[in-house]
Each structure stands twice: as structure tokens, then as C-alpha cells.
Amino acid sequence: MSLRVLLICHAATAGTRHAVFGGDGPLLDGAARRLADLRPHLPKARAVLRSEAQCAAETAQALGLEAAVPDPAVADWDFGTWRGRPLADVEAEQPDAVLAWRTDPAGAPHGGECLQDVLGRVRGWLDGTEGEGTRTAVTHPAVIRAAVVCGLRVPDEAFWTIDVAPSSVTELRRRGTRWRVARINWEPALFRDPRPRAPRPVAPAEVPS
């Protein structure tokens, strides 16, 4: 039996909608509905972790994962002085700093974590996860993107090419010492048939008189 790690991205907040660094806060009203669709698909896990952020706590609660344990290993990227500020505002004031942050994996002009720090933290957590069965973590897009980079063993810069949707599930599996990425951005809505259904034939007894 292999080890499976399910990474659940927290549901949408006003901050994530407006590209705010560390977009924490209460979940948007419609987010609970998407989480209700996801909840029946989650397998029972041997351990459930979550970020300490409010959005992760509310997501875990909506999924019936109230027992999730806060763990700094799956905390959001520490954006230092940029935390809580919209990306557009920071770009307008500090364009060179934002460019350096995006292009230098060792750069942290905001005073928080650099990309290499986040990748190292997530890699250490994955490699330190032992045993078999399922482990679940309710976390943030940056952590999930870092986990995919670690699982695929691609260059650090690949982090910026990965999108992670709110309320989605990314799955990593390990058999032996090597991780593989089983799925990214899975959500129940992806498997609904968008085609309109043909009208159901009306039986004679159902025809109005």
C-alpha cells in the first residue's frame, strides 16, 4: 500500500479574489456550496492537518474536518511586509522588488520567506511523512504548488507555471522513496456533464388532462 497525501486548497476569500498577498479572511458566501459538493468525495484520513489561517480553519470545518491539527509546515507563504496588500499596489510602488521576487528563487524583498524557503519547508514535510494510507492537509495555493514542484522534481522556477484553484484537491502518492503527482485541481464540478439532457418522455398517465 502506498502513502497518499491530499492537499485541499482553502475556499475563496475576498483576498484571494483580489490577489492580496496572504489573502486570509472569512470564506465568500458561495464557497460553502462548493465545499459541500467536495465533502462526500474525501476519504477517511489517518491524519488531518491545516494551516492556522482563518480561511483554512473555515474550510476544514465546512468539510467536516474539525479535528484538523494546525501545523506550521502547511502554513501560507510568509510575505513579510507585503502581507495583506494587493499585488497591483505593490507592483505600482515596488516594480523592481516584485520582479526580483518572481525571478530569483532566493529573493525575499518583502522580508519574509523566499521561494526556496517555501519549497524547502514543503519538501521537508513531505519527506518526513511516514507510513501508509491517506494524510490530508487543508492549506494554501503556494504550499500546493510547492508540493507539485517537489513531487515532479522540476526546477524551482516551474512553481510559477502552476495554477491552483480554490476548493480543489491535489493528490501526491509515494511508494518507496519517490513521489508522483496523481492529480491536480480536482473538484467534483469537473465531472458534471455540461451538455443539456434530452427531455424525458412523458408517459400517458402524466399528460395533463
N, C-alpha and C. Protein backbone atom coordinates (compact mmCIF):
# COMPACT_ATOMS: atom_id res chain seq x y z
N MET A 1 0.85 -1.20 0.00
CA MET A 1 0.00 0.00 0.00
C MET A 1 0.88 1.24 0.00
N SER A 2 0.50 2.26 -0.74
CA SER A 2 1.29 3.48 -0.84
C SER A 2 0.79 4.53 0.13
N LEU A 3 1.60 5.56 0.30
CA LEU A 3 1.22 6.72 1.08
C LEU A 3 0.58 7.73 0.15
N ARG A 4 -0.56 8.25 0.57
CA ARG A 4 -1.27 9.24 -0.24
C ARG A 4 -1.44 10.51 0.57
N VAL A 5 -1.10 11.64 -0.04
CA VAL A 5 -1.29 12.95 0.59
C VAL A 5 -2.28 13.75 -0.25
N LEU A 6 -3.37 14.16 0.37
CA LEU A 6 -4.37 15.01 -0.29
C LEU A 6 -4.19 16.44 0.21
N LEU A 7 -3.96 17.33 -0.72
CA LEU A 7 -3.78 18.75 -0.40
C LEU A 7 -5.03 19.49 -0.85
N ILE A 8 -5.79 19.98 0.10
CA ILE A 8 -7.03 20.70 -0.20
C ILE A 8 -6.76 22.19 -0.12
N CYS A 9 -7.01 22.88 -1.21
CA CYS A 9 -6.84 24.33 -1.22
C CYS A 9 -8.04 24.99 -0.53
N HIS A 10 -7.77 25.91 0.36
CA HIS A 10 -8.87 26.60 1.04
C HIS A 10 -9.81 27.26 0.03
N ALA A 11 -11.04 27.43 0.44
CA ALA A 11 -12.04 28.05 -0.43
C ALA A 11 -11.76 29.54 -0.60
N ALA A 12 -12.45 30.14 -1.55
CA ALA A 12 -12.19 31.53 -1.93
C ALA A 12 -12.53 32.52 -0.83
N THR A 13 -11.71 33.56 -0.76
CA THR A 13 -11.94 34.69 0.14
C THR A 13 -11.91 35.98 -0.68
N ALA A 14 -12.29 37.07 -0.08
CA ALA A 14 -12.20 38.35 -0.79
C ALA A 14 -10.75 38.64 -1.15
N GLY A 15 -9.82 38.25 -0.29
CA GLY A 15 -8.41 38.49 -0.55
C GLY A 15 -7.88 37.71 -1.74
N THR A 16 -8.29 36.46 -1.86
CA THR A 16 -7.82 35.66 -2.99
C THR A 16 -8.43 36.16 -4.30
N ARG A 17 -9.65 36.68 -4.24
CA ARG A 17 -10.29 37.20 -5.44
C ARG A 17 -9.57 38.46 -5.95
N HIS A 18 -8.97 39.21 -5.04
CA HIS A 18 -8.33 40.47 -5.43
C HIS A 18 -6.81 40.39 -5.38
N ALA A 19 -6.27 39.17 -5.41
CA ALA A 19 -4.81 38.96 -5.47
C ALA A 19 -4.09 39.70 -4.35
N VAL A 20 -4.57 39.48 -3.12
CA VAL A 20 -3.93 40.08 -1.95
C VAL A 20 -2.88 39.09 -1.43
N PHE A 21 -1.72 39.57 -1.10
CA PHE A 21 -0.68 38.71 -0.53
C PHE A 21 -1.18 38.14 0.80
N GLY A 22 -1.16 36.79 0.87
CA GLY A 22 -1.67 36.15 2.07
C GLY A 22 -3.14 36.44 2.26
N GLY A 23 -3.94 36.19 1.22
CA GLY A 23 -5.35 36.57 1.20
C GLY A 23 -6.21 35.81 2.19
N ASP A 24 -5.97 36.00 3.48
CA ASP A 24 -6.74 35.32 4.51
C ASP A 24 -8.04 36.08 4.77
N GLY A 25 -8.89 35.49 5.60
CA GLY A 25 -10.16 36.12 5.95
C GLY A 25 -11.28 35.12 5.84
N PRO A 26 -12.51 35.54 6.10
CA PRO A 26 -13.65 34.63 6.01
C PRO A 26 -13.91 34.20 4.58
N LEU A 27 -14.50 33.02 4.44
CA LEU A 27 -14.81 32.50 3.11
C LEU A 27 -15.96 33.28 2.49
N LEU A 28 -15.94 33.39 1.17
CA LEU A 28 -17.05 34.02 0.46
C LEU A 28 -18.31 33.17 0.60
N ASP A 29 -19.46 33.80 0.44
CA ASP A 29 -20.72 33.10 0.67
C ASP A 29 -20.88 31.86 -0.19
N GLY A 30 -20.52 31.95 -1.47
CA GLY A 30 -20.71 30.80 -2.35
C GLY A 30 -19.72 29.68 -2.14
N ALA A 31 -18.68 29.92 -1.35
CA ALA A 31 -17.64 28.91 -1.18
C ALA A 31 -18.16 27.68 -0.45
N ALA A 32 -19.06 27.87 0.49
CA ALA A 32 -19.57 26.74 1.27
C ALA A 32 -20.27 25.72 0.39
N ARG A 33 -20.93 26.17 -0.67
CA ARG A 33 -21.63 25.26 -1.57
C ARG A 33 -20.65 24.34 -2.29
N ARG A 34 -19.53 24.89 -2.74
CA ARG A 34 -18.53 24.06 -3.42
C ARG A 34 -17.92 23.06 -2.45
N LEU A 35 -17.71 23.48 -1.22
CA LEU A 35 -17.16 22.56 -0.23
C LEU A 35 -18.14 21.45 0.09
N ALA A 36 -19.43 21.76 0.09
CA ALA A 36 -20.45 20.73 0.34
C ALA A 36 -20.42 19.68 -0.77
N ASP A 37 -20.14 20.09 -2.00
CA ASP A 37 -20.02 19.14 -3.11
C ASP A 37 -18.80 18.25 -2.95
N LEU A 38 -17.73 18.82 -2.39
CA LEU A 38 -16.48 18.07 -2.26
C LEU A 38 -16.50 17.09 -1.09
N ARG A 39 -17.18 17.45 -0.04
CA ARG A 39 -17.12 16.67 1.22
C ARG A 39 -17.37 15.18 1.05
N PRO A 40 -18.39 14.74 0.31
CA PRO A 40 -18.64 13.29 0.21
C PRO A 40 -17.54 12.51 -0.50
N HIS A 41 -16.67 13.22 -1.23
CA HIS A 41 -15.64 12.54 -2.01
C HIS A 41 -14.34 12.34 -1.24
N LEU A 42 -14.25 12.90 -0.05
CA LEU A 42 -12.99 12.81 0.69
C LEU A 42 -12.90 11.49 1.44
N PRO A 43 -11.81 10.76 1.26
CA PRO A 43 -11.65 9.50 2.00
C PRO A 43 -11.26 9.78 3.45
N LYS A 44 -11.46 8.80 4.29
CA LYS A 44 -11.05 8.93 5.68
C LYS A 44 -9.53 8.94 5.74
N ALA A 45 -8.99 9.87 6.50
CA ALA A 45 -7.54 10.03 6.56
C ALA A 45 -7.02 9.62 7.93
N ARG A 46 -5.78 9.14 7.95
CA ARG A 46 -5.15 8.79 9.22
C ARG A 46 -4.75 10.02 10.01
N ALA A 47 -4.49 11.09 9.32
CA ALA A 47 -4.13 12.35 9.97
C ALA A 47 -4.60 13.50 9.10
N VAL A 48 -5.08 14.56 9.73
CA VAL A 48 -5.53 15.75 9.01
C VAL A 48 -4.86 16.97 9.62
N LEU A 49 -4.18 17.73 8.77
CA LEU A 49 -3.51 18.95 9.18
C LEU A 49 -4.18 20.14 8.50
N ARG A 50 -3.91 21.31 9.02
CA ARG A 50 -4.38 22.53 8.36
C ARG A 50 -3.47 23.68 8.71
N SER A 51 -3.53 24.69 7.88
CA SER A 51 -2.89 25.96 8.18
C SER A 51 -3.63 26.63 9.33
N GLU A 52 -2.94 27.51 10.03
CA GLU A 52 -3.58 28.25 11.12
C GLU A 52 -4.45 29.40 10.61
N ALA A 53 -4.41 29.68 9.32
CA ALA A 53 -5.17 30.80 8.77
C ALA A 53 -6.68 30.58 8.94
N GLN A 54 -7.41 31.69 9.06
CA GLN A 54 -8.86 31.61 9.22
C GLN A 54 -9.52 30.90 8.04
N CYS A 55 -9.07 31.20 6.83
CA CYS A 55 -9.69 30.59 5.65
C CYS A 55 -9.49 29.07 5.65
N ALA A 56 -8.36 28.60 6.13
CA ALA A 56 -8.12 27.15 6.19
C ALA A 56 -8.96 26.52 7.29
N ALA A 57 -9.09 27.20 8.42
CA ALA A 57 -9.90 26.68 9.52
C ALA A 57 -11.37 26.57 9.10
N GLU A 58 -11.89 27.60 8.42
CA GLU A 58 -13.29 27.55 7.99
C GLU A 58 -13.50 26.50 6.90
N THR A 59 -12.52 26.33 6.04
CA THR A 59 -12.63 25.29 5.00
C THR A 59 -12.66 23.91 5.65
N ALA A 60 -11.77 23.68 6.59
CA ALA A 60 -11.74 22.39 7.28
C ALA A 60 -13.06 22.12 7.98
N GLN A 61 -13.61 23.11 8.63
CA GLN A 61 -14.87 22.94 9.34
C GLN A 61 -16.00 22.61 8.37
N ALA A 62 -16.04 23.30 7.24
CA ALA A 62 -17.09 23.05 6.25
C ALA A 62 -16.99 21.65 5.65
N LEU A 63 -15.79 21.09 5.66
CA LEU A 63 -15.58 19.75 5.11
C LEU A 63 -15.75 18.66 6.17
N GLY A 64 -16.12 19.05 7.37
CA GLY A 64 -16.26 18.07 8.43
C GLY A 64 -14.94 17.62 9.01
N LEU A 65 -13.90 18.45 8.85
CA LEU A 65 -12.57 18.10 9.33
C LEU A 65 -12.21 18.98 10.54
N GLU A 66 -13.15 19.07 11.48
CA GLU A 66 -12.93 19.93 12.64
C GLU A 66 -11.73 19.51 13.47
N ALA A 67 -11.36 18.23 13.38
CA ALA A 67 -10.24 17.72 14.18
C ALA A 67 -8.89 18.01 13.55
N ALA A 68 -8.87 18.73 12.42
CA ALA A 68 -7.61 19.03 11.75
C ALA A 68 -6.67 19.78 12.70
N VAL A 69 -5.42 19.38 12.71
CA VAL A 69 -4.43 19.95 13.63
C VAL A 69 -3.64 21.05 12.93
N PRO A 70 -3.59 22.26 13.47
CA PRO A 70 -2.76 23.32 12.86
C PRO A 70 -1.29 22.91 12.84
N ASP A 71 -0.63 23.13 11.71
CA ASP A 71 0.76 22.73 11.55
C ASP A 71 1.49 23.79 10.73
N PRO A 72 2.57 24.35 11.25
CA PRO A 72 3.30 25.40 10.50
C PRO A 72 3.89 24.90 9.19
N ALA A 73 4.04 23.59 9.03
CA ALA A 73 4.59 23.06 7.78
C ALA A 73 3.70 23.37 6.59
N VAL A 74 2.38 23.51 6.82
CA VAL A 74 1.45 23.77 5.71
C VAL A 74 0.89 25.19 5.79
N ALA A 75 1.59 26.06 6.51
CA ALA A 75 1.18 27.47 6.58
C ALA A 75 1.42 28.16 5.24
N ASP A 76 0.74 29.27 5.05
CA ASP A 76 0.89 30.03 3.81
C ASP A 76 2.29 30.62 3.72
N TRP A 77 2.67 31.00 2.52
CA TRP A 77 3.93 31.71 2.28
C TRP A 77 3.96 32.96 3.17
N ASP A 78 5.08 33.15 3.87
CA ASP A 78 5.26 34.35 4.68
C ASP A 78 5.70 35.49 3.76
N PHE A 79 4.79 36.43 3.51
CA PHE A 79 5.06 37.54 2.60
C PHE A 79 5.61 38.78 3.31
N GLY A 80 5.98 38.67 4.56
CA GLY A 80 6.60 39.78 5.27
C GLY A 80 5.79 41.06 5.22
N THR A 81 6.42 42.14 4.80
CA THR A 81 5.76 43.45 4.78
C THR A 81 4.69 43.58 3.70
N TRP A 82 4.65 42.62 2.77
CA TRP A 82 3.63 42.67 1.72
C TRP A 82 2.32 42.02 2.14
N ARG A 83 2.33 41.34 3.24
CA ARG A 83 1.14 40.60 3.66
C ARG A 83 -0.05 41.55 3.81
N GLY A 84 -1.19 41.14 3.23
CA GLY A 84 -2.41 41.93 3.33
C GLY A 84 -2.53 43.02 2.28
N ARG A 85 -1.52 43.16 1.42
CA ARG A 85 -1.56 44.20 0.39
C ARG A 85 -1.85 43.59 -0.98
N PRO A 86 -2.63 44.27 -1.82
CA PRO A 86 -2.89 43.77 -3.17
C PRO A 86 -1.61 43.77 -4.01
N LEU A 87 -1.47 42.75 -4.83
CA LEU A 87 -0.31 42.66 -5.71
C LEU A 87 -0.20 43.90 -6.59
N ALA A 88 -1.30 44.39 -7.11
CA ALA A 88 -1.26 45.55 -8.01
C ALA A 88 -0.66 46.77 -7.32
N ASP A 89 -0.99 46.98 -6.03
CA ASP A 89 -0.45 48.13 -5.31
C ASP A 89 1.05 48.00 -5.10
N VAL A 90 1.49 46.80 -4.74
CA VAL A 90 2.92 46.59 -4.51
C VAL A 90 3.69 46.73 -5.81
N GLU A 91 3.12 46.20 -6.91
CA GLU A 91 3.78 46.33 -8.21
C GLU A 91 3.93 47.80 -8.61
N ALA A 92 2.92 48.60 -8.32
CA ALA A 92 2.97 50.02 -8.68
C ALA A 92 4.04 50.76 -7.88
N GLU A 93 4.23 50.37 -6.62
CA GLU A 93 5.18 51.06 -5.76
C GLU A 93 6.59 50.48 -5.84
N GLN A 94 6.69 49.15 -6.02
CA GLN A 94 7.99 48.48 -5.97
C GLN A 94 8.13 47.50 -7.14
N PRO A 95 8.09 47.98 -8.36
CA PRO A 95 8.12 47.06 -9.51
C PRO A 95 9.39 46.22 -9.56
N ASP A 96 10.53 46.79 -9.21
CA ASP A 96 11.78 46.03 -9.25
C ASP A 96 11.80 44.94 -8.19
N ALA A 97 11.24 45.25 -7.04
CA ALA A 97 11.20 44.25 -5.97
C ALA A 97 10.29 43.09 -6.33
N VAL A 98 9.14 43.37 -6.94
CA VAL A 98 8.24 42.30 -7.35
C VAL A 98 8.89 41.45 -8.44
N LEU A 99 9.57 42.08 -9.37
CA LEU A 99 10.26 41.34 -10.43
C LEU A 99 11.33 40.43 -9.82
N ALA A 100 12.09 40.95 -8.86
CA ALA A 100 13.12 40.14 -8.22
C ALA A 100 12.51 38.96 -7.49
N TRP A 101 11.40 39.19 -6.82
CA TRP A 101 10.70 38.12 -6.09
C TRP A 101 10.26 37.01 -7.04
N ARG A 102 9.79 37.40 -8.23
CA ARG A 102 9.27 36.41 -9.17
C ARG A 102 10.38 35.69 -9.95
N THR A 103 11.53 36.28 -10.06
CA THR A 103 12.57 35.71 -10.92
C THR A 103 13.75 35.11 -10.15
N ASP A 104 13.89 35.46 -8.90
CA ASP A 104 15.02 34.94 -8.10
C ASP A 104 14.46 34.05 -6.99
N PRO A 105 14.64 32.72 -7.08
CA PRO A 105 14.10 31.83 -6.05
C PRO A 105 14.66 32.10 -4.66
N ALA A 106 15.80 32.81 -4.58
CA ALA A 106 16.38 33.13 -3.28
C ALA A 106 16.04 34.55 -2.83
N GLY A 107 15.22 35.25 -3.61
CA GLY A 107 14.90 36.64 -3.30
C GLY A 107 13.68 36.77 -2.40
N ALA A 108 13.80 37.62 -1.38
CA ALA A 108 12.66 37.89 -0.48
C ALA A 108 12.68 39.38 -0.12
N PRO A 109 12.40 40.25 -1.09
CA PRO A 109 12.45 41.69 -0.82
C PRO A 109 11.43 42.16 0.21
N HIS A 110 10.43 41.34 0.47
CA HIS A 110 9.41 41.70 1.46
C HIS A 110 9.85 41.36 2.89
N GLY A 111 10.96 40.66 3.04
CA GLY A 111 11.45 40.34 4.37
C GLY A 111 10.93 39.04 4.94
N GLY A 112 10.07 38.33 4.18
CA GLY A 112 9.56 37.04 4.64
C GLY A 112 10.31 35.89 4.01
N GLU A 113 9.59 34.86 3.63
CA GLU A 113 10.21 33.69 3.01
C GLU A 113 10.48 33.93 1.53
N CYS A 114 11.57 33.39 1.04
CA CYS A 114 11.79 33.34 -0.40
C CYS A 114 11.21 32.03 -0.93
N LEU A 115 11.16 31.90 -2.24
CA LEU A 115 10.59 30.69 -2.84
C LEU A 115 11.35 29.45 -2.38
N GLN A 116 12.66 29.53 -2.30
CA GLN A 116 13.45 28.37 -1.85
C GLN A 116 13.09 27.97 -0.42
N ASP A 117 12.76 28.95 0.42
CA ASP A 117 12.33 28.64 1.78
C ASP A 117 11.04 27.83 1.77
N VAL A 118 10.08 28.28 0.96
CA VAL A 118 8.78 27.58 0.89
C VAL A 118 8.97 26.17 0.35
N LEU A 119 9.75 26.04 -0.72
CA LEU A 119 9.99 24.72 -1.30
C LEU A 119 10.69 23.81 -0.29
N GLY A 120 11.67 24.34 0.42
CA GLY A 120 12.39 23.53 1.41
C GLY A 120 11.49 23.09 2.55
N ARG A 121 10.62 24.00 3.01
CA ARG A 121 9.68 23.66 4.09
C ARG A 121 8.73 22.55 3.66
N VAL A 122 8.16 22.69 2.48
CA VAL A 122 7.19 21.70 2.00
C VAL A 122 7.89 20.37 1.69
N ARG A 123 9.07 20.44 1.10
CA ARG A 123 9.82 19.21 0.80
C ARG A 123 10.15 18.46 2.08
N GLY A 124 10.57 19.19 3.10
CA GLY A 124 10.89 18.56 4.38
C GLY A 124 9.68 17.89 5.01
N TRP A 125 8.52 18.57 4.89
CA TRP A 125 7.29 17.98 5.43
C TRP A 125 6.91 16.71 4.68
N LEU A 126 6.96 16.74 3.35
CA LEU A 126 6.60 15.56 2.57
C LEU A 126 7.55 14.40 2.87
N ASP A 127 8.82 14.67 2.86
CA ASP A 127 9.79 13.60 3.08
C ASP A 127 9.72 13.06 4.50
N GLY A 128 9.22 13.86 5.44
CA GLY A 128 9.11 13.40 6.81
C GLY A 128 7.79 12.71 7.12
N THR A 129 6.89 12.66 6.15
CA THR A 129 5.61 11.98 6.34
C THR A 129 5.80 10.49 6.09
N GLU A 130 5.58 9.68 7.09
CA GLU A 130 5.85 8.25 7.01
C GLU A 130 4.56 7.44 7.06
N GLY A 131 4.71 6.14 6.77
CA GLY A 131 3.59 5.22 6.88
C GLY A 131 2.84 5.02 5.58
N GLU A 132 1.63 4.49 5.72
CA GLU A 132 0.78 4.21 4.56
C GLU A 132 -0.58 4.87 4.77
N GLY A 133 -1.43 4.72 3.78
CA GLY A 133 -2.76 5.29 3.88
C GLY A 133 -2.80 6.75 3.47
N THR A 134 -3.83 7.45 3.92
CA THR A 134 -4.09 8.81 3.47
C THR A 134 -3.79 9.83 4.56
N ARG A 135 -3.11 10.90 4.16
CA ARG A 135 -2.93 12.08 5.01
C ARG A 135 -3.55 13.25 4.27
N THR A 136 -4.26 14.10 4.98
CA THR A 136 -4.95 15.25 4.36
C THR A 136 -4.45 16.54 4.99
N ALA A 137 -4.28 17.55 4.14
CA ALA A 137 -3.88 18.88 4.63
C ALA A 137 -4.74 19.93 3.95
N VAL A 138 -5.32 20.83 4.74
CA VAL A 138 -6.06 21.98 4.23
C VAL A 138 -5.09 23.16 4.26
N THR A 139 -4.77 23.67 3.09
CA THR A 139 -3.67 24.62 3.01
C THR A 139 -3.89 25.66 1.92
N HIS A 140 -2.80 26.21 1.40
CA HIS A 140 -2.84 27.37 0.51
C HIS A 140 -2.25 27.04 -0.87
N PRO A 141 -2.59 27.85 -1.88
CA PRO A 141 -2.06 27.58 -3.22
C PRO A 141 -0.54 27.48 -3.26
N ALA A 142 0.16 28.35 -2.55
CA ALA A 142 1.63 28.33 -2.60
C ALA A 142 2.18 27.01 -2.09
N VAL A 143 1.61 26.48 -1.03
CA VAL A 143 2.07 25.20 -0.48
C VAL A 143 1.80 24.07 -1.47
N ILE A 144 0.64 24.10 -2.10
CA ILE A 144 0.28 23.04 -3.05
C ILE A 144 1.17 23.12 -4.29
N ARG A 145 1.42 24.32 -4.78
CA ARG A 145 2.31 24.47 -5.93
C ARG A 145 3.71 23.96 -5.59
N ALA A 146 4.16 24.27 -4.39
CA ALA A 146 5.48 23.78 -3.96
C ALA A 146 5.49 22.26 -3.88
N ALA A 147 4.42 21.66 -3.40
CA ALA A 147 4.36 20.20 -3.32
C ALA A 147 4.41 19.56 -4.70
N VAL A 148 3.75 20.18 -5.67
CA VAL A 148 3.78 19.64 -7.04
C VAL A 148 5.19 19.74 -7.61
N VAL A 149 5.87 20.86 -7.38
CA VAL A 149 7.25 21.01 -7.84
C VAL A 149 8.13 19.93 -7.21
N CYS A 150 7.96 19.69 -5.92
CA CYS A 150 8.74 18.65 -5.25
C CYS A 150 8.41 17.27 -5.79
N GLY A 151 7.12 17.00 -6.01
CA GLY A 151 6.72 15.69 -6.50
C GLY A 151 7.22 15.40 -7.89
N LEU A 152 7.22 16.40 -8.74
CA LEU A 152 7.66 16.22 -10.13
C LEU A 152 9.18 16.34 -10.28
N ARG A 153 9.84 16.87 -9.26
CA ARG A 153 11.29 17.09 -9.30
C ARG A 153 11.69 17.97 -10.49
N VAL A 154 10.97 19.05 -10.61
CA VAL A 154 11.25 20.01 -11.69
C VAL A 154 11.96 21.22 -11.08
N PRO A 155 12.56 22.09 -11.91
CA PRO A 155 13.26 23.27 -11.38
C PRO A 155 12.34 24.17 -10.57
N ASP A 156 12.93 24.90 -9.65
CA ASP A 156 12.15 25.79 -8.77
C ASP A 156 11.26 26.74 -9.56
N GLU A 157 11.75 27.21 -10.70
CA GLU A 157 11.01 28.20 -11.49
C GLU A 157 9.68 27.67 -12.00
N ALA A 158 9.53 26.34 -12.04
CA ALA A 158 8.26 25.76 -12.50
C ALA A 158 7.11 26.12 -11.57
N PHE A 159 7.42 26.51 -10.36
CA PHE A 159 6.40 26.93 -9.39
C PHE A 159 5.45 27.95 -10.00
N TRP A 160 6.00 28.88 -10.78
CA TRP A 160 5.21 29.98 -11.32
C TRP A 160 4.32 29.56 -12.48
N THR A 161 4.44 28.35 -12.96
CA THR A 161 3.63 27.88 -14.09
C THR A 161 2.44 27.04 -13.63
N ILE A 162 2.25 26.90 -12.34
CA ILE A 162 1.21 26.03 -11.79
C ILE A 162 0.10 26.88 -11.19
N ASP A 163 -1.12 26.62 -11.59
CA ASP A 163 -2.28 27.29 -11.01
C ASP A 163 -3.01 26.32 -10.08
N VAL A 164 -3.49 26.82 -8.97
CA VAL A 164 -4.24 26.02 -8.01
C VAL A 164 -5.56 26.72 -7.72
N ALA A 165 -6.66 26.03 -7.94
CA ALA A 165 -7.98 26.62 -7.78
C ALA A 165 -8.48 26.49 -6.35
N PRO A 166 -9.25 27.46 -5.87
CA PRO A 166 -9.85 27.33 -4.54
C PRO A 166 -10.74 26.08 -4.48
N SER A 167 -10.78 25.46 -3.31
CA SER A 167 -11.64 24.29 -3.05
C SER A 167 -11.29 23.08 -3.91
N SER A 168 -10.09 23.04 -4.44
CA SER A 168 -9.68 21.90 -5.26
C SER A 168 -8.78 20.96 -4.46
N VAL A 169 -8.60 19.75 -4.99
CA VAL A 169 -7.78 18.73 -4.34
C VAL A 169 -6.63 18.36 -5.27
N THR A 170 -5.43 18.35 -4.71
CA THR A 170 -4.25 17.86 -5.41
C THR A 170 -3.74 16.65 -4.64
N GLU A 171 -3.38 15.61 -5.36
CA GLU A 171 -3.01 14.34 -4.71
C GLU A 171 -1.60 13.92 -5.10
N LEU A 172 -0.81 13.61 -4.10
CA LEU A 172 0.52 13.04 -4.29
C LEU A 172 0.54 11.64 -3.68
N ARG A 173 1.27 10.75 -4.32
CA ARG A 173 1.42 9.38 -3.81
C ARG A 173 2.89 9.02 -3.75
N ARG A 174 3.22 8.21 -2.77
CA ARG A 174 4.59 7.74 -2.65
C ARG A 174 4.61 6.24 -2.37
N ARG A 175 5.34 5.54 -3.21
CA ARG A 175 5.62 4.13 -2.98
C ARG A 175 7.13 3.99 -2.99
N GLY A 176 7.72 3.66 -1.85
CA GLY A 176 9.16 3.66 -1.74
C GLY A 176 9.64 5.07 -1.37
N THR A 177 10.57 5.61 -2.14
CA THR A 177 11.13 6.93 -1.82
C THR A 177 10.72 8.01 -2.81
N ARG A 178 10.01 7.66 -3.84
CA ARG A 178 9.69 8.63 -4.91
C ARG A 178 8.24 9.04 -4.88
N TRP A 179 8.02 10.35 -4.92
CA TRP A 179 6.66 10.87 -5.01
C TRP A 179 6.23 10.95 -6.46
N ARG A 180 4.95 10.82 -6.68
CA ARG A 180 4.39 11.11 -8.01
C ARG A 180 3.13 11.92 -7.81
N VAL A 181 2.85 12.77 -8.78
CA VAL A 181 1.66 13.62 -8.72
C VAL A 181 0.52 12.88 -9.41
N ALA A 182 -0.49 12.51 -8.64
CA ALA A 182 -1.60 11.72 -9.17
C ALA A 182 -2.67 12.58 -9.82
N ARG A 183 -2.92 13.76 -9.26
CA ARG A 183 -3.92 14.66 -9.85
C ARG A 183 -3.73 16.06 -9.27
N ILE A 184 -4.14 17.06 -10.04
CA ILE A 184 -4.04 18.46 -9.64
C ILE A 184 -5.38 19.13 -9.91
N ASN A 185 -5.81 19.97 -8.98
CA ASN A 185 -7.02 20.79 -9.18
C ASN A 185 -8.28 19.96 -9.40
N TRP A 186 -8.37 18.82 -8.72
CA TRP A 186 -9.58 18.01 -8.86
C TRP A 186 -10.70 18.64 -8.05
N GLU A 187 -11.89 18.68 -8.64
CA GLU A 187 -13.09 19.10 -7.93
C GLU A 187 -14.29 18.44 -8.57
N PRO A 188 -15.34 18.15 -7.80
CA PRO A 188 -16.50 17.43 -8.34
C PRO A 188 -17.12 18.10 -9.55
N ALA A 189 -17.09 19.42 -9.61
CA ALA A 189 -17.74 20.13 -10.72
C ALA A 189 -17.12 19.77 -12.06
N LEU A 190 -15.87 19.33 -12.07
CA LEU A 190 -15.21 18.98 -13.34
C LEU A 190 -15.85 17.77 -14.00
N PHE A 191 -16.58 16.98 -13.22
CA PHE A 191 -17.12 15.74 -13.75
C PHE A 191 -18.63 15.79 -13.96
N ARG A 192 -19.18 16.98 -13.87
CA ARG A 192 -20.59 17.13 -14.22
C ARG A 192 -20.72 17.28 -15.72
N ASP A 193 -21.69 16.65 -16.30
CA ASP A 193 -21.88 16.72 -17.74
C ASP A 193 -22.52 18.05 -18.11
N PRO A 194 -21.81 18.94 -18.84
CA PRO A 194 -22.36 20.26 -19.16
C PRO A 194 -23.40 20.22 -20.28
N ARG A 195 -23.53 19.06 -20.96
CA ARG A 195 -24.45 19.00 -22.10
C ARG A 195 -25.90 18.97 -21.62
N PRO A 196 -26.79 19.68 -22.26
CA PRO A 196 -28.20 19.63 -21.84
C PRO A 196 -28.77 18.25 -22.09
N ARG A 197 -29.57 17.79 -21.17
CA ARG A 197 -30.18 16.47 -21.30
C ARG A 197 -31.45 16.55 -22.15
N ALA A 198 -31.69 15.49 -22.89
CA ALA A 198 -32.91 15.42 -23.70
C ALA A 198 -34.11 15.33 -22.77
N PRO A 199 -35.24 15.91 -23.15
CA PRO A 199 -36.41 15.85 -22.29
C PRO A 199 -36.85 14.40 -22.08
N ARG A 200 -37.28 14.11 -20.83
CA ARG A 200 -37.73 12.77 -20.53
C ARG A 200 -39.09 12.54 -21.17
N PRO A 201 -39.28 11.41 -21.86
CA PRO A 201 -40.59 11.14 -22.46
C PRO A 201 -41.69 11.15 -21.40
N VAL A 202 -42.81 11.72 -21.74
CA VAL A 202 -43.93 11.80 -20.81
C VAL A 202 -44.85 10.62 -21.03
N ALA A 203 -45.07 9.87 -19.98
CA ALA A 203 -45.98 8.72 -20.06
C ALA A 203 -47.42 9.21 -20.18
N PRO A 204 -48.30 8.42 -20.80
CA PRO A 204 -49.69 8.87 -20.97
C PRO A 204 -50.35 9.28 -19.69
N ALA A 205 -50.04 8.58 -18.59
CA ALA A 205 -50.70 8.89 -17.33
C ALA A 205 -50.26 10.24 -16.77
N GLU A 206 -49.10 10.74 -17.29
CA GLU A 206 -48.58 12.00 -16.76
C GLU A 206 -49.04 13.22 -17.57
N VAL A 207 -49.71 12.98 -18.71
CA VAL A 207 -50.14 14.09 -19.55
C VAL A 207 -51.31 14.78 -18.87
N PRO A 208 -51.22 16.12 -18.68
CA PRO A 208 -52.32 16.83 -18.01
C PRO A 208 -53.61 16.69 -18.82
N SER A 209 -54.71 16.59 -18.13
CA SER A 209 -56.00 16.47 -18.81
C SER A 209 -56.56 17.84 -19.10
